[in-house]
Protein backbone atom coordinates (compact mmCIF):
# COMPACT_ATOMS: atom_id res chain seq x y z
CA MET A 1 58.73 106.92 135.25
CA ASP A 2 57.36 107.24 131.72
CA LYS A 3 59.64 106.58 128.80
CA TYR A 4 61.96 109.46 128.03
CA SER A 5 63.43 109.99 124.56
CA ALA A 6 66.69 111.80 123.83
CA VAL A 7 69.61 111.98 121.45
CA ILE A 8 72.54 110.27 123.16
CA ASP A 9 75.84 111.76 122.02
CA THR A 10 78.61 109.32 121.17
CA ASN A 11 80.73 110.40 124.14
CA ILE A 12 78.02 109.09 126.49
CA LEU A 13 77.92 105.70 124.76
CA PHE A 14 81.71 105.42 124.87
CA ALA A 15 81.96 106.46 128.54
CA GLY A 16 79.19 104.07 129.55
CA LEU A 17 80.95 101.17 127.87
CA TYR A 18 84.36 102.19 129.21
CA SER A 19 83.38 102.30 132.88
CA ASN A 20 80.53 100.77 134.84
CA GLU A 21 80.81 103.34 137.62
CA GLY A 22 79.71 106.62 136.05
CA THR A 23 76.55 108.41 135.05
CA SER A 24 76.93 107.30 131.43
CA PHE A 25 76.75 103.66 132.51
CA LYS A 26 73.55 104.48 134.41
CA ILE A 27 72.13 106.05 131.24
CA LEU A 28 72.96 102.87 129.28
CA ASN A 29 71.25 100.78 131.97
CA LEU A 30 68.12 102.91 131.67
CA ILE A 31 68.22 102.38 127.91
CA GLU A 32 68.54 98.62 128.44
CA LYS A 33 65.54 98.70 130.81
CA GLY A 34 63.51 100.62 128.23
CA LYS A 35 63.18 103.74 130.38
CA ILE A 36 65.22 105.89 128.01
CA VAL A 37 64.63 105.60 124.27
CA PRO A 38 67.66 106.69 122.27
CA LEU A 39 66.71 108.62 119.15
CA LEU A 40 68.69 107.46 116.14
CA SER A 41 69.62 108.45 112.63
CA THR A 42 71.74 106.60 110.13
CA THR A 43 74.51 109.18 110.55
CA LEU A 44 74.54 108.82 114.34
CA LEU A 45 74.65 105.02 114.11
CA PHE A 46 77.60 105.21 111.72
CA GLU A 47 79.34 107.53 114.18
CA TYR A 48 78.66 105.11 117.05
CA GLU A 49 80.10 102.27 114.98
CA ASP A 50 83.15 104.27 113.90
CA VAL A 51 84.06 105.32 117.44
CA LEU A 52 83.45 101.92 119.01
CA LYS A 53 85.50 100.12 116.37
CA ARG A 54 88.36 102.65 116.52
CA LYS A 55 88.47 102.39 120.33
CA GLN A 56 87.72 98.68 120.50
CA LYS A 57 90.95 97.76 122.29
CA GLN A 58 90.47 100.51 124.87
CA LEU A 59 86.93 99.24 125.49
CA GLU A 60 88.11 95.61 125.45
CA LEU A 61 85.37 94.63 123.00
CA THR A 62 85.53 92.18 120.13
CA ASN A 63 84.03 92.98 116.71
CA SER A 64 81.10 90.75 117.62
CA GLU A 65 80.54 92.58 120.92
CA VAL A 66 80.60 95.95 119.15
CA GLU A 67 77.96 94.64 116.74
CA ASP A 68 75.92 93.37 119.70
CA VAL A 69 76.03 96.83 121.33
CA LEU A 70 74.91 98.49 118.08
CA ASP A 71 72.14 95.91 117.61
CA ALA A 72 70.91 96.51 121.17
CA ILE A 73 70.83 100.27 120.63
CA CYS A 74 68.88 99.80 117.40
CA GLU A 75 66.45 97.45 119.16
CA LYS A 76 65.84 99.89 122.03
CA GLY A 77 66.01 103.06 119.93
CA GLU A 78 63.70 104.92 117.63
CA GLU A 79 64.80 106.09 114.20
CA LYS A 80 63.97 109.64 113.16
CA LYS A 81 64.15 110.90 109.60
CA ILE A 82 65.97 114.18 109.14
CA HIS A 83 64.09 116.27 106.59
CA PHE A 84 65.92 119.59 106.94
CA ILE A 85 69.63 120.30 107.11
CA TRP A 86 70.46 123.24 109.40
CA ARG A 87 74.22 123.36 108.79
CA PRO A 88 76.43 124.98 109.77
CA GLN A 89 75.31 125.81 113.30
CA LEU A 90 77.78 124.40 115.79
CA ARG A 91 81.45 124.98 116.62
CA ASP A 92 82.25 121.43 115.57
CA PRO A 93 80.66 120.68 112.19
CA ASN A 94 80.79 116.97 113.07
CA ASP A 95 78.12 117.65 115.73
CA ASP A 96 75.60 119.31 113.41
CA HIS A 97 73.94 115.97 112.63
CA VAL A 98 73.22 115.48 116.35
CA LEU A 99 71.43 118.83 116.52
CA GLU A 100 69.54 118.05 113.30
CA LEU A 101 68.35 114.76 114.81
CA ALA A 102 67.12 116.52 117.95
CA VAL A 103 65.24 119.07 115.84
CA ALA A 104 63.78 116.33 113.61
CA ALA A 105 62.51 114.63 116.78
CA ASN A 106 60.54 117.77 117.68
CA CYS A 107 63.24 119.31 119.85
CA ALA A 108 64.33 116.29 121.83
CA ASP A 109 67.03 116.74 124.45
CA ILE A 110 70.68 116.04 123.64
CA ILE A 111 72.62 114.19 126.34
CA THR A 112 76.34 114.94 126.16
CA PHE A 113 79.45 115.89 128.11
CA ASN A 114 80.22 118.56 125.48
CA ILE A 115 77.67 121.20 126.53
CA LYS A 116 79.76 124.05 125.11
CA ASP A 117 79.72 122.46 121.65
CA PHE A 118 75.91 122.73 121.52
CA ILE A 119 75.34 126.32 122.68
CA LYS A 120 73.26 127.18 119.59
CA ALA A 121 70.89 124.25 120.26
CA GLN A 122 68.72 126.51 122.41
CA LEU A 123 67.91 128.57 119.29
CA PHE A 124 66.04 125.49 118.05
CA GLY A 125 64.29 124.77 121.35
CA VAL A 126 66.63 121.87 122.12
CA ARG A 127 67.87 121.34 125.66
CA VAL A 128 71.40 120.05 126.16
CA LEU A 129 71.98 118.11 129.37
CA ARG A 130 74.89 116.38 131.04
CA PRO A 131 74.15 112.80 132.14
CA ILE A 132 74.02 113.83 135.81
CA GLU A 133 71.41 116.49 134.99
CA LEU A 134 69.28 113.94 133.17
CA LEU A 135 69.50 111.46 136.04
CA GLU A 136 68.45 114.18 138.49
CA GLU A 137 65.44 115.04 136.33
CA LEU A 138 64.40 111.41 135.99
CA LYS A 139 64.36 110.81 139.75
């Protein structure tokens, strides 16, 4: 399999760290192996950090372990600069930055559980996939 790049929504990162039995965990393993390259922006990294630190006890991670996770994502990921702001587009304005990152990355896919929150992504040529759909495609 060639390397595949996508925007990984925060809910996938959280779910993959919460349980080692689901599709999100498999996505994180593929990132670790270098088969999936997570596309990153400063805003998305701050969101990752915020969620992981707020839910640290639930994830059973120390501050140091949260930092290690973020460092690993940065090491495996590829930063994209967002040159155009397309807001507002989505039902949840907190998700607009995810769509903007996908557009800035030349219409990269968004991997998320919240498909309904990204309905307008198709107007920009961005596909929105659930983790199971991505894993099926990568087979």
